[in-house]
Structures are given as structure tokens and as C-alpha cells.
Amino acid sequence: KELAAQLTVGIPMGMQFSIIAIGALLVQRALNGLGTT
């Protein structure tokens, strides 16, 4: 329960950062098709 208490706070915040970054990755994928400029 001590591990779970830490993970139930830390993992959602980590996922929040990463979920937002996944969106940025999708945008990056679209951006790469527009050229180096």
C-alpha cells in the first residue's frame, strides 16, 4: 500500500506529461512532412 500510494500519485502525473507529449509527437510527425524549413 505504500508503493501503491506513491504510484497512484506519481504515475498519473507522469502519464499526464507523456500523454501531452504523445500529442506533440503526432504533430511532429505531421511537421516532418512539411520539410526542413
All heavy atoms as atom14 arrays in JSON, in Angstrom:
{
  "sequence": "KELAAQLTVGIPMGMQFSIIAIGALLVQRALNGLGTT",
  "atom14_mask": [
    [1, 1, 1, 1, 1, 1, 1, 1, 1, 0, 0, 0, 0, 0],
    [1, 1, 1, 1, 1, 1, 1, 1, 1, 0, 0, 0, 0, 0],
    [1, 1, 1, 1, 1, 1, 1, 1, 0, 0, 0, 0, 0, 0],
    [1, 1, 1, 1, 1, 0, 0, 0, 0, 0, 0, 0, 0, 0],
    [1, 1, 1, 1, 1, 0, 0, 0, 0, 0, 0, 0, 0, 0],
    [1, 1, 1, 1, 1, 1, 1, 1, 1, 0, 0, 0, 0, 0],
    [1, 1, 1, 1, 1, 1, 1, 1, 0, 0, 0, 0, 0, 0],
    [1, 1, 1, 1, 1, 1, 1, 0, 0, 0, 0, 0, 0, 0],
    [1, 1, 1, 1, 1, 1, 1, 0, 0, 0, 0, 0, 0, 0],
    [1, 1, 1, 1, 0, 0, 0, 0, 0, 0, 0, 0, 0, 0],
    [1, 1, 1, 1, 1, 1, 1, 1, 0, 0, 0, 0, 0, 0],
    [1, 1, 1, 1, 1, 1, 1, 0, 0, 0, 0, 0, 0, 0],
    [1, 1, 1, 1, 1, 1, 1, 1, 0, 0, 0, 0, 0, 0],
    [1, 1, 1, 1, 0, 0, 0, 0, 0, 0, 0, 0, 0, 0],
    [1, 1, 1, 1, 1, 1, 1, 1, 0, 0, 0, 0, 0, 0],
    [1, 1, 1, 1, 1, 1, 1, 1, 1, 0, 0, 0, 0, 0],
    [1, 1, 1, 1, 1, 1, 1, 1, 1, 1, 1, 0, 0, 0],
    [1, 1, 1, 1, 1, 1, 0, 0, 0, 0, 0, 0, 0, 0],
    [1, 1, 1, 1, 1, 1, 1, 1, 0, 0, 0, 0, 0, 0],
    [1, 1, 1, 1, 1, 1, 1, 1, 0, 0, 0, 0, 0, 0],
    [1, 1, 1, 1, 1, 0, 0, 0, 0, 0, 0, 0, 0, 0],
    [1, 1, 1, 1, 1, 1, 1, 1, 0, 0, 0, 0, 0, 0],
    [1, 1, 1, 1, 0, 0, 0, 0, 0, 0, 0, 0, 0, 0],
    [1, 1, 1, 1, 1, 0, 0, 0, 0, 0, 0, 0, 0, 0],
    [1, 1, 1, 1, 1, 1, 1, 1, 0, 0, 0, 0, 0, 0],
    [1, 1, 1, 1, 1, 1, 1, 1, 0, 0, 0, 0, 0, 0],
    [1, 1, 1, 1, 1, 1, 1, 0, 0, 0, 0, 0, 0, 0],
    [1, 1, 1, 1, 1, 1, 1, 1, 1, 0, 0, 0, 0, 0],
    [1, 1, 1, 1, 1, 1, 1, 1, 1, 1, 1, 0, 0, 0],
    [1, 1, 1, 1, 1, 0, 0, 0, 0, 0, 0, 0, 0, 0],
    [1, 1, 1, 1, 1, 1, 1, 1, 0, 0, 0, 0, 0, 0],
    [1, 1, 1, 1, 1, 1, 1, 1, 0, 0, 0, 0, 0, 0],
    [1, 1, 1, 1, 0, 0, 0, 0, 0, 0, 0, 0, 0, 0],
    [1, 1, 1, 1, 1, 1, 1, 1, 0, 0, 0, 0, 0, 0],
    [1, 1, 1, 1, 0, 0, 0, 0, 0, 0, 0, 0, 0, 0],
    [1, 1, 1, 1, 1, 1, 1, 0, 0, 0, 0, 0, 0, 0],
    [1, 1, 1, 1, 1, 1, 1, 0, 0, 0, 0, 0, 0, 0]
  ],
  "atom14_positions": [
    [[0.82, -1.21, 0.0], [0.0, 0.0, 0.0], [0.86, 1.26, 0.0], [0.42, 2.31, -0.49], [-0.96, 0.01, 1.18], [-0.32, 0.13, 2.55], [-1.39, 0.17, 3.64], [-0.78, 0.36, 5.02], [-1.82, 0.42, 6.08], [0.0, 0.0, 0.0], [0.0, 0.0, 0.0], [0.0, 0.0, 0.0], [0.0, 0.0, 0.0], [0.0, 0.0, 0.0]],
    [[2.09, 1.17, 0.52], [2.99, 2.33, 0.47], [3.47, 2.57, -0.96], [3.54, 3.72, -1.41], [4.18, 2.1, 1.4], [3.82, 2.12, 2.88], [5.04, 1.89, 3.75], [5.7, 0.85, 3.58], [5.33, 2.76, 4.61], [0.0, 0.0, 0.0], [0.0, 0.0, 0.0], [0.0, 0.0, 0.0], [0.0, 0.0, 0.0], [0.0, 0.0, 0.0]],
    [[3.83, 1.5, -1.63], [4.2, 1.63, -3.04], [3.03, 2.14, -3.86], [3.19, 3.02, -4.72], [4.68, 0.28, -3.58], [5.96, -0.3, -2.98], [6.18, -1.72, -3.5], [7.15, 0.58, -3.31], [0.0, 0.0, 0.0], [0.0, 0.0, 0.0], [0.0, 0.0, 0.0], [0.0, 0.0, 0.0], [0.0, 0.0, 0.0], [0.0, 0.0, 0.0]],
    [[1.85, 1.58, -3.59], [0.67, 1.98, -4.35], [0.34, 3.45, -4.13], [-0.07, 4.15, -5.05], [-0.52, 1.1, -3.96], [0.0, 0.0, 0.0], [0.0, 0.0, 0.0], [0.0, 0.0, 0.0], [0.0, 0.0, 0.0], [0.0, 0.0, 0.0], [0.0, 0.0, 0.0], [0.0, 0.0, 0.0], [0.0, 0.0, 0.0], [0.0, 0.0, 0.0]],
    [[0.52, 3.92, -2.88], [0.22, 5.33, -2.57], [1.11, 6.27, -3.39], [0.65, 7.3, -3.88], [0.4, 5.59, -1.08], [0.0, 0.0, 0.0], [0.0, 0.0, 0.0], [0.0, 0.0, 0.0], [0.0, 0.0, 0.0], [0.0, 0.0, 0.0], [0.0, 0.0, 0.0], [0.0, 0.0, 0.0], [0.0, 0.0, 0.0], [0.0, 0.0, 0.0]],
    [[2.38, 5.89, -3.54], [3.29, 6.72, -4.33], [2.95, 6.64, -5.82], [2.94, 7.65, -6.53], [4.73, 6.26, -4.1], [5.22, 6.46, -2.7], [6.34, 7.48, -2.62], [6.72, 8.1, -3.6], [6.88, 7.65, -1.44], [0.0, 0.0, 0.0], [0.0, 0.0, 0.0], [0.0, 0.0, 0.0], [0.0, 0.0, 0.0], [0.0, 0.0, 0.0]],
    [[2.69, 5.44, -6.27], [2.45, 5.24, -7.71], [1.12, 5.84, -8.15], [1.0, 6.32, -9.28], [2.49, 3.75, -8.05], [3.88, 3.09, -7.92], [3.78, 1.59, -8.11], [4.86, 3.69, -8.92], [0.0, 0.0, 0.0], [0.0, 0.0, 0.0], [0.0, 0.0, 0.0], [0.0, 0.0, 0.0], [0.0, 0.0, 0.0], [0.0, 0.0, 0.0]],
    [[0.12, 5.83, -7.28], [-1.18, 6.4, -7.66], [-1.13, 7.92, -7.79], [-2.01, 8.52, -8.4], [-2.27, 6.02, -6.64], [-1.83, 6.37, -5.32], [-2.57, 4.54, -6.68], [0.0, 0.0, 0.0], [0.0, 0.0, 0.0], [0.0, 0.0, 0.0], [0.0, 0.0, 0.0], [0.0, 0.0, 0.0], [0.0, 0.0, 0.0], [0.0, 0.0, 0.0]],
    [[-0.11, 8.53, -7.22], [0.09, 9.97, -7.41], [1.1, 10.22, -8.54], [0.87, 11.03, -9.43], [0.58, 10.64, -6.11], [0.9, 12.11, -6.36], [-0.47, 10.51, -5.02], [0.0, 0.0, 0.0], [0.0, 0.0, 0.0], [0.0, 0.0, 0.0], [0.0, 0.0, 0.0], [0.0, 0.0, 0.0], [0.0, 0.0, 0.0], [0.0, 0.0, 0.0]],
    [[2.22, 9.48, -8.49], [3.29, 9.72, -9.46], [2.96, 9.3, -10.87], [3.21, 10.05, -11.83], [0.0, 0.0, 0.0], [0.0, 0.0, 0.0], [0.0, 0.0, 0.0], [0.0, 0.0, 0.0], [0.0, 0.0, 0.0], [0.0, 0.0, 0.0], [0.0, 0.0, 0.0], [0.0, 0.0, 0.0], [0.0, 0.0, 0.0], [0.0, 0.0, 0.0]],
    [[2.37, 8.11, -11.04], [2.09, 7.61, -12.39], [1.1, 8.5, -13.14], [1.34, 8.82, -14.32], [1.57, 6.16, -12.33], [2.68, 5.22, -11.83], [1.08, 5.7, -13.71], [3.88, 5.13, -12.74], [0.0, 0.0, 0.0], [0.0, 0.0, 0.0], [0.0, 0.0, 0.0], [0.0, 0.0, 0.0], [0.0, 0.0, 0.0], [0.0, 0.0, 0.0]],
    [[-0.04, 8.92, -12.53], [-0.94, 9.81, -13.27], [-0.27, 11.11, -13.72], [-0.51, 11.58, -14.83], [-2.07, 10.08, -12.28], [-2.1, 8.88, -11.41], [-0.66, 8.49, -11.26], [0.0, 0.0, 0.0], [0.0, 0.0, 0.0], [0.0, 0.0, 0.0], [0.0, 0.0, 0.0], [0.0, 0.0, 0.0], [0.0, 0.0, 0.0], [0.0, 0.0, 0.0]],
    [[0.6, 11.67, -12.86], [1.29, 12.9, -13.26], [2.31, 12.62, -14.35], [2.49, 13.42, -15.28], [1.95, 13.56, -12.06], [0.94, 14.16, -11.08], [1.68, 15.27, -9.87], [2.15, 16.64, -10.92], [0.0, 0.0, 0.0], [0.0, 0.0, 0.0], [0.0, 0.0, 0.0], [0.0, 0.0, 0.0], [0.0, 0.0, 0.0], [0.0, 0.0, 0.0]],
    [[2.98, 11.48, -14.26], [3.9, 11.1, -15.33], [3.16, 10.86, -16.63], [3.59, 11.3, -17.7], [0.0, 0.0, 0.0], [0.0, 0.0, 0.0], [0.0, 0.0, 0.0], [0.0, 0.0, 0.0], [0.0, 0.0, 0.0], [0.0, 0.0, 0.0], [0.0, 0.0, 0.0], [0.0, 0.0, 0.0], [0.0, 0.0, 0.0], [0.0, 0.0, 0.0]],
    [[2.01, 10.18, -16.54], [1.2, 9.93, -17.72], [0.67, 11.23, -18.31], [0.57, 11.39, -19.53], [0.03, 9.01, -17.37], [0.43, 7.58, -17.07], [1.21, 6.77, -18.5], [-0.17, 6.77, -19.65], [0.0, 0.0, 0.0], [0.0, 0.0, 0.0], [0.0, 0.0, 0.0], [0.0, 0.0, 0.0], [0.0, 0.0, 0.0], [0.0, 0.0, 0.0]],
    [[0.33, 12.18, -17.44], [-0.15, 13.48, -17.92], [0.9, 14.14, -18.79], [0.61, 14.63, -19.89], [-0.48, 14.38, -16.73], [-0.83, 15.82, -17.11], [-0.72, 16.75, -15.93], [-1.06, 16.39, -14.8], [-0.22, 17.95, -16.16], [0.0, 0.0, 0.0], [0.0, 0.0, 0.0], [0.0, 0.0, 0.0], [0.0, 0.0, 0.0], [0.0, 0.0, 0.0]],
    [[2.16, 14.15, -18.31], [3.24, 14.74, -19.09], [3.42, 13.98, -20.41], [3.6, 14.59, -21.47], [4.54, 14.7, -18.29], [4.68, 15.78, -17.27], [3.8, 15.89, -16.2], [5.71, 16.7, -17.35], [3.93, 16.89, -15.25], [5.86, 17.71, -16.41], [4.97, 17.79, -15.36], [0.0, 0.0, 0.0], [0.0, 0.0, 0.0], [0.0, 0.0, 0.0]],
    [[3.37, 12.65, -20.33], [3.63, 11.84, -21.52], [2.49, 11.89, -22.52], [2.71, 11.89, -23.73], [3.91, 10.39, -21.11], [5.14, 10.29, -20.45], [0.0, 0.0, 0.0], [0.0, 0.0, 0.0], [0.0, 0.0, 0.0], [0.0, 0.0, 0.0], [0.0, 0.0, 0.0], [0.0, 0.0, 0.0], [0.0, 0.0, 0.0], [0.0, 0.0, 0.0]],
    [[1.25, 11.92, -22.02], [0.09, 12.0, -22.91], [0.15, 13.28, -23.73], [-0.1, 13.28, -24.94], [-1.22, 11.9, -22.12], [-1.41, 10.46, -21.62], [-2.42, 12.31, -22.97], [-2.54, 10.32, -20.63], [0.0, 0.0, 0.0], [0.0, 0.0, 0.0], [0.0, 0.0, 0.0], [0.0, 0.0, 0.0], [0.0, 0.0, 0.0], [0.0, 0.0, 0.0]],
    [[0.48, 14.37, -23.05], [0.62, 15.64, -23.76], [1.74, 15.53, -24.81], [1.62, 16.02, -25.93], [0.91, 16.77, -22.77], [-0.32, 17.0, -21.87], [1.3, 18.06, -23.49], [-0.09, 17.98, -20.75], [0.0, 0.0, 0.0], [0.0, 0.0, 0.0], [0.0, 0.0, 0.0], [0.0, 0.0, 0.0], [0.0, 0.0, 0.0], [0.0, 0.0, 0.0]],
    [[2.83, 14.83, -24.43], [3.95, 14.68, -25.36], [3.59, 13.78, -26.54], [4.12, 13.97, -27.64], [5.16, 14.11, -24.62], [0.0, 0.0, 0.0], [0.0, 0.0, 0.0], [0.0, 0.0, 0.0], [0.0, 0.0, 0.0], [0.0, 0.0, 0.0], [0.0, 0.0, 0.0], [0.0, 0.0, 0.0], [0.0, 0.0, 0.0], [0.0, 0.0, 0.0]],
    [[2.69, 12.8, -26.33], [2.25, 11.96, -27.45], [1.58, 12.83, -28.51], [1.79, 12.67, -29.71], [1.28, 10.86, -26.96], [2.04, 9.83, -26.13], [0.61, 10.16, -28.15], [1.14, 8.81, -25.47], [0.0, 0.0, 0.0], [0.0, 0.0, 0.0], [0.0, 0.0, 0.0], [0.0, 0.0, 0.0], [0.0, 0.0, 0.0], [0.0, 0.0, 0.0]],
    [[0.74, 13.77, -28.05], [0.12, 14.7, -28.99], [1.17, 15.49, -29.74], [1.05, 15.71, -30.95], [0.0, 0.0, 0.0], [0.0, 0.0, 0.0], [0.0, 0.0, 0.0], [0.0, 0.0, 0.0], [0.0, 0.0, 0.0], [0.0, 0.0, 0.0], [0.0, 0.0, 0.0], [0.0, 0.0, 0.0], [0.0, 0.0, 0.0], [0.0, 0.0, 0.0]],
    [[2.22, 15.9, -29.03], [3.3, 16.63, -29.68], [4.03, 15.75, -30.69], [4.48, 16.23, -31.74], [4.28, 17.15, -28.62], [0.0, 0.0, 0.0], [0.0, 0.0, 0.0], [0.0, 0.0, 0.0], [0.0, 0.0, 0.0], [0.0, 0.0, 0.0], [0.0, 0.0, 0.0], [0.0, 0.0, 0.0], [0.0, 0.0, 0.0], [0.0, 0.0, 0.0]],
    [[4.14, 14.45, -30.39], [4.77, 13.53, -31.33], [3.96, 13.43, -32.62], [4.52, 13.38, -33.73], [4.91, 12.14, -30.7], [6.03, 11.96, -29.67], [5.87, 10.63, -28.94], [7.39, 12.04, -30.35], [0.0, 0.0, 0.0], [0.0, 0.0, 0.0], [0.0, 0.0, 0.0], [0.0, 0.0, 0.0], [0.0, 0.0, 0.0], [0.0, 0.0, 0.0]],
    [[2.64, 13.39, -32.49], [1.79, 13.33, -33.68], [1.93, 14.6, -34.51], [1.98, 14.55, -35.75], [0.33, 13.13, -33.26], [0.0, 11.78, -32.61], [-1.43, 11.78, -32.09], [0.2, 10.65, -33.62], [0.0, 0.0, 0.0], [0.0, 0.0, 0.0], [0.0, 0.0, 0.0], [0.0, 0.0, 0.0], [0.0, 0.0, 0.0], [0.0, 0.0, 0.0]],
    [[2.0, 15.72, -33.82], [2.21, 16.99, -34.52], [3.58, 16.98, -35.19], [3.74, 17.44, -36.33], [2.08, 18.17, -33.55], [2.46, 19.49, -34.24], [0.66, 18.27, -33.01], [0.0, 0.0, 0.0], [0.0, 0.0, 0.0], [0.0, 0.0, 0.0], [0.0, 0.0, 0.0], [0.0, 0.0, 0.0], [0.0, 0.0, 0.0], [0.0, 0.0, 0.0]],
    [[4.59, 16.43, -34.49], [5.93, 16.34, -35.07], [5.93, 15.49, -36.33], [6.6, 15.8, -37.31], [6.9, 15.75, -34.04], [8.35, 15.71, -34.51], [8.99, 17.08, -34.58], [8.95, 17.83, -33.62], [9.56, 17.41, -35.72], [0.0, 0.0, 0.0], [0.0, 0.0, 0.0], [0.0, 0.0, 0.0], [0.0, 0.0, 0.0], [0.0, 0.0, 0.0]],
    [[5.16, 14.4, -36.3], [5.06, 13.52, -37.48], [4.49, 14.29, -38.68], [5.0, 14.18, -39.8], [4.16, 12.33, -37.15], [3.93, 11.37, -38.32], [5.21, 10.65, -38.68], [5.02, 9.71, -39.76], [5.04, 9.98, -41.06], [5.25, 11.23, -41.46], [4.88, 9.04, -41.96], [0.0, 0.0, 0.0], [0.0, 0.0, 0.0], [0.0, 0.0, 0.0]],
    [[3.46, 15.08, -38.42], [2.89, 15.89, -39.5], [3.85, 16.98, -39.94], [3.98, 17.28, -41.13], [1.57, 16.51, -39.03], [0.0, 0.0, 0.0], [0.0, 0.0, 0.0], [0.0, 0.0, 0.0], [0.0, 0.0, 0.0], [0.0, 0.0, 0.0], [0.0, 0.0, 0.0], [0.0, 0.0, 0.0], [0.0, 0.0, 0.0], [0.0, 0.0, 0.0]],
    [[4.56, 17.56, -38.96], [5.52, 18.63, -39.27], [6.66, 18.12, -40.13], [7.12, 18.81, -41.06], [6.07, 19.2, -37.95], [7.17, 20.27, -38.05], [6.61, 21.53, -38.69], [7.74, 20.58, -36.68], [0.0, 0.0, 0.0], [0.0, 0.0, 0.0], [0.0, 0.0, 0.0], [0.0, 0.0, 0.0], [0.0, 0.0, 0.0], [0.0, 0.0, 0.0]],
    [[7.14, 16.91, -39.87], [8.26, 16.36, -40.63], [7.94, 16.25, -42.12], [8.84, 16.27, -42.96], [8.65, 14.99, -40.09], [9.36, 15.09, -38.74], [9.83, 16.15, -38.36], [9.42, 13.98, -38.02], [0.0, 0.0, 0.0], [0.0, 0.0, 0.0], [0.0, 0.0, 0.0], [0.0, 0.0, 0.0], [0.0, 0.0, 0.0], [0.0, 0.0, 0.0]],
    [[6.66, 16.14, -42.44], [6.27, 16.06, -43.84], [6.25, 17.4, -44.55], [6.07, 17.45, -45.78], [0.0, 0.0, 0.0], [0.0, 0.0, 0.0], [0.0, 0.0, 0.0], [0.0, 0.0, 0.0], [0.0, 0.0, 0.0], [0.0, 0.0, 0.0], [0.0, 0.0, 0.0], [0.0, 0.0, 0.0], [0.0, 0.0, 0.0], [0.0, 0.0, 0.0]],
    [[6.47, 18.5, -43.8], [6.45, 19.84, -44.4], [7.83, 20.34, -44.79], [7.96, 21.44, -45.33], [5.79, 20.83, -43.42], [4.33, 20.55, -43.05], [3.82, 21.6, -42.06], [3.44, 20.52, -44.29], [0.0, 0.0, 0.0], [0.0, 0.0, 0.0], [0.0, 0.0, 0.0], [0.0, 0.0, 0.0], [0.0, 0.0, 0.0], [0.0, 0.0, 0.0]],
    [[8.88, 19.55, -44.48], [10.22, 19.94, -44.9], [11.07, 20.52, -43.79], [10.58, 20.85, -42.7], [0.0, 0.0, 0.0], [0.0, 0.0, 0.0], [0.0, 0.0, 0.0], [0.0, 0.0, 0.0], [0.0, 0.0, 0.0], [0.0, 0.0, 0.0], [0.0, 0.0, 0.0], [0.0, 0.0, 0.0], [0.0, 0.0, 0.0], [0.0, 0.0, 0.0]],
    [[12.38, 20.67, -44.07], [13.33, 21.1, -43.04], [13.14, 22.56, -42.61], [13.41, 22.92, -41.47], [14.77, 20.91, -43.53], [14.94, 21.6, -44.77], [15.09, 19.44, -43.73], [0.0, 0.0, 0.0], [0.0, 0.0, 0.0], [0.0, 0.0, 0.0], [0.0, 0.0, 0.0], [0.0, 0.0, 0.0], [0.0, 0.0, 0.0], [0.0, 0.0, 0.0]],
    [[12.67, 23.42, -43.52], [12.43, 24.82, -43.13], [11.32, 24.9, -42.09], [11.43, 25.63, -41.09], [12.06, 25.68, -44.35], [13.12, 25.66, -45.29], [11.79, 27.12, -43.93], [0.0, 0.0, 0.0], [0.0, 0.0, 0.0], [0.0, 0.0, 0.0], [0.0, 0.0, 0.0], [0.0, 0.0, 0.0], [0.0, 0.0, 0.0], [0.0, 0.0, 0.0]]
  ]
}
